[in-house]
């Protein structure tokens, strides 16, 4: 992905509202790589960002993702196992994958 996201997609925002999203984040800092996974229900999705109310081990937390429509894909039906926590999630609506790179 380029550093400049495309314009927000209002149709995607409408589809995301109330959806269950499984998020995977890879953080790269020099030679160190960290993976994080969590899931939540979308409470807001617009040009300002996508806000999730998290579930599972992070129940009750809120998390805001950038409004980049390229990072959201419809999920195939099935059971997903979160490698980072061991939790399982049945039939999420969307998958969202991010890579964050820092120069450190």
N, C-alpha and C. Protein backbone atom coordinates (compact mmCIF):
# COMPACT_ATOMS: atom_id res chain seq x y z
N UNK A 1 0.83 -1.18 0.00
CA UNK A 1 0.00 0.00 0.00
C UNK A 1 0.87 1.24 0.00
N UNK A 2 0.42 2.24 -0.69
CA UNK A 2 1.14 3.50 -0.64
C UNK A 2 0.81 4.19 0.68
N UNK A 3 1.56 5.24 0.99
CA UNK A 3 1.35 5.95 2.25
C UNK A 3 0.08 6.79 2.24
N UNK A 4 -0.42 7.10 1.05
CA UNK A 4 -1.62 7.94 0.95
C UNK A 4 -2.82 7.05 0.63
N UNK A 5 -3.73 6.91 1.59
CA UNK A 5 -4.89 6.05 1.33
C UNK A 5 -5.85 6.69 0.34
N UNK A 6 -6.61 5.87 -0.36
CA UNK A 6 -7.62 6.43 -1.26
C UNK A 6 -8.73 7.07 -0.44
N UNK A 7 -9.57 7.81 -1.13
CA UNK A 7 -10.70 8.47 -0.47
C UNK A 7 -11.58 7.43 0.21
N UNK A 8 -12.17 7.81 1.33
CA UNK A 8 -13.03 6.90 2.08
C UNK A 8 -14.22 6.47 1.24
N UNK A 9 -14.63 5.23 1.39
CA UNK A 9 -15.74 4.64 0.66
C UNK A 9 -16.96 4.57 1.59
N UNK A 10 -17.95 5.42 1.35
CA UNK A 10 -19.14 5.47 2.22
C UNK A 10 -19.94 4.18 2.19
N UNK A 11 -19.94 3.46 1.06
CA UNK A 11 -20.63 2.17 0.99
C UNK A 11 -19.95 1.16 1.92
N UNK A 12 -18.61 1.17 1.92
CA UNK A 12 -17.88 0.30 2.84
C UNK A 12 -18.20 0.69 4.28
N UNK A 13 -18.24 1.97 4.56
CA UNK A 13 -18.55 2.43 5.90
C UNK A 13 -19.91 1.92 6.37
N UNK A 14 -20.89 1.95 5.48
CA UNK A 14 -22.22 1.45 5.83
C UNK A 14 -22.18 -0.06 6.07
N UNK A 15 -21.41 -0.79 5.27
CA UNK A 15 -21.28 -2.25 5.44
C UNK A 15 -20.53 -2.60 6.73
N UNK A 16 -19.58 -1.76 7.10
CA UNK A 16 -18.79 -2.03 8.30
C UNK A 16 -19.57 -1.75 9.58
N UNK A 17 -20.47 -0.79 9.56
CA UNK A 17 -21.18 -0.41 10.79
C UNK A 17 -21.91 -1.62 11.38
N UNK A 18 -21.55 -1.98 12.61
CA UNK A 18 -22.15 -3.13 13.29
C UNK A 18 -21.51 -4.46 12.95
N UNK A 19 -20.52 -4.46 12.04
CA UNK A 19 -19.87 -5.70 11.62
C UNK A 19 -18.82 -6.16 12.64
N UNK A 20 -18.59 -7.46 12.65
CA UNK A 20 -17.54 -8.06 13.47
C UNK A 20 -16.27 -8.13 12.62
N UNK A 21 -15.19 -7.52 13.11
CA UNK A 21 -13.94 -7.43 12.35
C UNK A 21 -12.81 -8.09 13.13
N UNK A 22 -12.07 -8.94 12.44
CA UNK A 22 -10.85 -9.55 12.98
C UNK A 22 -9.68 -8.73 12.45
N UNK A 23 -8.87 -8.19 13.36
CA UNK A 23 -7.77 -7.30 13.01
C UNK A 23 -6.44 -7.99 13.28
N UNK A 24 -5.53 -7.90 12.32
CA UNK A 24 -4.16 -8.37 12.49
C UNK A 24 -3.20 -7.23 12.23
N UNK A 25 -2.31 -6.98 13.19
CA UNK A 25 -1.33 -5.90 13.05
C UNK A 25 0.06 -6.48 13.20
N UNK A 26 0.92 -6.17 12.24
CA UNK A 26 2.33 -6.53 12.31
C UNK A 26 3.10 -5.25 12.53
N UNK A 27 3.90 -5.23 13.58
CA UNK A 27 4.73 -4.06 13.88
C UNK A 27 6.18 -4.44 13.63
N UNK A 28 6.82 -3.69 12.73
CA UNK A 28 8.22 -3.93 12.37
C UNK A 28 9.07 -2.76 12.84
N UNK A 29 10.10 -3.07 13.63
CA UNK A 29 11.04 -2.05 14.11
C UNK A 29 12.43 -2.64 13.98
N UNK A 30 13.14 -2.26 12.93
CA UNK A 30 14.45 -2.86 12.69
C UNK A 30 14.30 -4.35 12.44
N UNK A 31 15.00 -5.17 13.22
CA UNK A 31 14.92 -6.62 13.08
C UNK A 31 13.79 -7.22 13.90
N UNK A 32 13.16 -6.43 14.75
CA UNK A 32 12.10 -6.93 15.63
C UNK A 32 10.76 -6.90 14.91
N UNK A 33 10.01 -7.98 15.03
CA UNK A 33 8.68 -8.06 14.44
C UNK A 33 7.72 -8.57 15.51
N UNK A 34 6.63 -7.85 15.70
CA UNK A 34 5.60 -8.22 16.67
C UNK A 34 4.26 -8.36 15.96
N UNK A 35 3.52 -9.38 16.34
CA UNK A 35 2.20 -9.60 15.75
C UNK A 35 1.14 -9.46 16.84
N UNK A 36 0.04 -8.83 16.47
CA UNK A 36 -1.06 -8.63 17.40
C UNK A 36 -2.36 -8.92 16.66
N UNK A 37 -3.28 -9.58 17.33
CA UNK A 37 -4.59 -9.85 16.76
C UNK A 37 -5.65 -9.55 17.81
N UNK A 38 -6.77 -9.03 17.35
CA UNK A 38 -7.91 -8.77 18.22
C UNK A 38 -9.14 -8.64 17.34
N UNK A 39 -10.29 -8.58 17.97
CA UNK A 39 -11.53 -8.45 17.20
C UNK A 39 -12.50 -7.55 17.94
N UNK A 40 -13.44 -7.03 17.16
CA UNK A 40 -14.45 -6.17 17.77
C UNK A 40 -15.55 -5.84 16.79
N UNK A 41 -16.55 -5.17 17.32
CA UNK A 41 -17.70 -4.74 16.54
C UNK A 41 -17.54 -3.26 16.19
N UNK A 42 -17.77 -2.93 14.94
CA UNK A 42 -17.61 -1.56 14.47
C UNK A 42 -18.75 -0.70 15.02
N UNK A 43 -18.37 0.38 15.71
CA UNK A 43 -19.36 1.32 16.23
C UNK A 43 -19.42 2.60 15.41
N UNK A 44 -18.37 2.85 14.62
CA UNK A 44 -18.32 4.04 13.77
C UNK A 44 -17.38 3.73 12.61
N UNK A 45 -17.78 4.13 11.41
CA UNK A 45 -16.93 3.94 10.23
C UNK A 45 -17.19 5.08 9.26
N UNK A 46 -16.22 6.01 9.22
CA UNK A 46 -16.36 7.15 8.33
C UNK A 46 -14.96 7.65 7.96
N UNK A 47 -14.90 8.80 7.31
CA UNK A 47 -13.63 9.35 6.84
C UNK A 47 -12.68 9.72 7.97
N UNK A 48 -13.17 9.72 9.22
CA UNK A 48 -12.31 10.02 10.37
C UNK A 48 -11.66 8.77 10.94
N UNK A 49 -12.20 7.60 10.62
CA UNK A 49 -11.63 6.35 11.11
C UNK A 49 -12.70 5.31 11.35
N UNK A 50 -12.23 4.11 11.71
CA UNK A 50 -13.11 2.99 11.99
C UNK A 50 -12.90 2.63 13.46
N UNK A 51 -13.94 2.82 14.26
CA UNK A 51 -13.83 2.54 15.69
C UNK A 51 -14.47 1.21 16.02
N UNK A 52 -13.73 0.42 16.80
CA UNK A 52 -14.20 -0.89 17.22
C UNK A 52 -14.41 -0.92 18.73
N UNK A 53 -15.44 -1.61 19.17
CA UNK A 53 -15.61 -1.98 20.57
C UNK A 53 -15.11 -3.43 20.63
N UNK A 54 -14.00 -3.63 21.34
CA UNK A 54 -13.32 -4.92 21.31
C UNK A 54 -14.02 -5.96 22.17
N UNK A 55 -13.76 -7.22 21.81
CA UNK A 55 -14.30 -8.36 22.54
C UNK A 55 -13.16 -9.28 22.97
N UNK A 56 -13.53 -10.42 23.50
CA UNK A 56 -12.54 -11.41 23.92
C UNK A 56 -11.71 -10.92 25.09
N UNK A 57 -10.41 -11.17 25.04
CA UNK A 57 -9.52 -10.80 26.14
C UNK A 57 -9.41 -9.28 26.30
N UNK A 58 -9.87 -8.52 25.29
CA UNK A 58 -9.81 -7.05 25.36
C UNK A 58 -11.21 -6.45 25.47
N UNK A 59 -12.15 -7.25 25.98
CA UNK A 59 -13.54 -6.85 26.14
C UNK A 59 -13.66 -5.46 26.77
N UNK A 60 -14.45 -4.59 26.13
CA UNK A 60 -14.72 -3.27 26.68
C UNK A 60 -13.77 -2.19 26.21
N UNK A 61 -12.62 -2.56 25.62
CA UNK A 61 -11.70 -1.55 25.09
C UNK A 61 -12.23 -1.04 23.77
N UNK A 62 -11.81 0.17 23.42
CA UNK A 62 -12.10 0.74 22.10
C UNK A 62 -10.79 0.85 21.33
N UNK A 63 -10.88 0.70 20.02
CA UNK A 63 -9.68 0.80 19.19
C UNK A 63 -10.08 1.50 17.90
N UNK A 64 -9.29 2.45 17.46
CA UNK A 64 -9.59 3.19 16.23
C UNK A 64 -8.56 2.84 15.16
N UNK A 65 -9.06 2.44 14.01
CA UNK A 65 -8.23 2.15 12.84
C UNK A 65 -8.32 3.30 11.86
N UNK A 66 -7.27 3.51 11.08
CA UNK A 66 -7.32 4.55 10.05
C UNK A 66 -8.41 4.26 9.00
N UNK A 67 -8.92 5.28 8.35
CA UNK A 67 -9.98 5.10 7.36
C UNK A 67 -9.44 4.72 5.98
N UNK A 68 -8.73 3.60 5.91
CA UNK A 68 -8.15 3.14 4.65
C UNK A 68 -8.96 1.95 4.14
N UNK A 69 -9.79 2.14 3.12
CA UNK A 69 -10.66 1.06 2.65
C UNK A 69 -9.90 -0.16 2.12
N UNK A 70 -8.63 0.00 1.76
CA UNK A 70 -7.86 -1.13 1.24
C UNK A 70 -7.56 -2.17 2.32
N UNK A 71 -7.70 -1.80 3.58
CA UNK A 71 -7.34 -2.68 4.69
C UNK A 71 -8.50 -3.56 5.17
N UNK A 72 -9.65 -3.49 4.51
CA UNK A 72 -10.82 -4.25 4.95
C UNK A 72 -11.29 -5.17 3.83
N UNK A 73 -11.32 -6.46 4.14
CA UNK A 73 -11.78 -7.47 3.17
C UNK A 73 -12.86 -8.32 3.81
N UNK A 74 -13.83 -8.71 3.03
CA UNK A 74 -14.87 -9.62 3.52
C UNK A 74 -14.19 -10.92 3.95
N UNK A 75 -14.61 -11.46 5.07
CA UNK A 75 -14.04 -12.70 5.59
C UNK A 75 -14.81 -13.90 5.04
N UNK A 76 -14.10 -14.97 4.77
CA UNK A 76 -14.76 -16.23 4.41
C UNK A 76 -15.40 -16.80 5.68
N UNK A 77 -16.55 -17.44 5.56
CA UNK A 77 -17.16 -18.05 6.73
C UNK A 77 -16.22 -19.10 7.34
N UNK A 78 -16.28 -19.25 8.65
CA UNK A 78 -15.48 -20.26 9.31
C UNK A 78 -15.01 -19.82 10.67
N UNK A 79 -14.21 -20.68 11.28
CA UNK A 79 -13.66 -20.42 12.61
C UNK A 79 -12.22 -19.94 12.43
N UNK A 80 -11.91 -18.82 13.07
CA UNK A 80 -10.58 -18.22 13.00
C UNK A 80 -9.93 -18.31 14.37
N UNK A 81 -8.68 -18.74 14.41
CA UNK A 81 -7.95 -18.83 15.68
C UNK A 81 -6.95 -17.69 15.72
N UNK A 82 -7.00 -16.91 16.78
CA UNK A 82 -6.05 -15.81 16.96
C UNK A 82 -4.77 -16.40 17.52
N UNK A 83 -3.70 -16.34 16.74
CA UNK A 83 -2.43 -16.92 17.15
C UNK A 83 -1.88 -16.25 18.40
N UNK A 84 -2.13 -14.95 18.54
CA UNK A 84 -1.53 -14.21 19.65
C UNK A 84 -2.21 -14.49 20.99
N UNK A 85 -3.48 -14.93 20.99
CA UNK A 85 -4.19 -15.16 22.25
C UNK A 85 -4.76 -16.56 22.40
N UNK A 86 -4.85 -17.30 21.30
CA UNK A 86 -5.45 -18.63 21.34
C UNK A 86 -6.97 -18.61 21.26
N UNK A 87 -7.57 -17.42 21.26
CA UNK A 87 -9.03 -17.32 21.15
C UNK A 87 -9.49 -17.79 19.77
N UNK A 88 -10.74 -18.19 19.69
CA UNK A 88 -11.33 -18.50 18.39
C UNK A 88 -12.51 -17.56 18.15
N UNK A 89 -12.72 -17.27 16.89
CA UNK A 89 -13.77 -16.36 16.48
C UNK A 89 -14.52 -17.00 15.33
N UNK A 90 -15.82 -17.12 15.46
CA UNK A 90 -16.65 -17.74 14.42
C UNK A 90 -17.24 -16.68 13.50
N UNK A 91 -17.01 -16.89 12.23
CA UNK A 91 -17.66 -16.11 11.17
C UNK A 91 -17.59 -14.59 11.30
N UNK A 92 -16.38 -14.03 11.39
CA UNK A 92 -16.30 -12.57 11.35
C UNK A 92 -16.80 -12.07 10.00
N UNK A 93 -17.23 -10.84 9.97
CA UNK A 93 -17.72 -10.25 8.71
C UNK A 93 -16.57 -9.75 7.84
N UNK A 94 -15.54 -9.17 8.49
CA UNK A 94 -14.41 -8.58 7.76
C UNK A 94 -13.10 -8.97 8.43
N UNK A 95 -12.04 -8.95 7.62
CA UNK A 95 -10.67 -9.06 8.10
C UNK A 95 -10.00 -7.73 7.80
N UNK A 96 -9.15 -7.29 8.71
CA UNK A 96 -8.41 -6.05 8.50
C UNK A 96 -6.95 -6.30 8.87
N UNK A 97 -6.07 -6.08 7.92
CA UNK A 97 -4.65 -6.37 8.13
C UNK A 97 -3.81 -5.13 7.94
N UNK A 98 -2.89 -4.91 8.88
CA UNK A 98 -2.06 -3.72 8.88
C UNK A 98 -0.61 -4.08 9.14
N UNK A 99 0.31 -3.33 8.54
CA UNK A 99 1.73 -3.43 8.85
C UNK A 99 2.21 -2.03 9.21
N UNK A 100 2.81 -1.93 10.38
CA UNK A 100 3.34 -0.65 10.87
C UNK A 100 4.84 -0.79 10.95
N UNK A 101 5.55 0.06 10.22
CA UNK A 101 7.00 0.00 10.18
C UNK A 101 7.59 1.26 10.79
N UNK A 102 8.52 1.07 11.72
CA UNK A 102 9.23 2.22 12.27
C UNK A 102 10.71 2.04 11.98
N UNK A 103 11.42 3.12 11.90
CA UNK A 103 12.84 3.08 11.55
C UNK A 103 13.75 2.71 12.69
N UNK A 104 13.21 2.39 13.84
CA UNK A 104 14.03 2.09 15.02
C UNK A 104 14.49 0.67 15.03
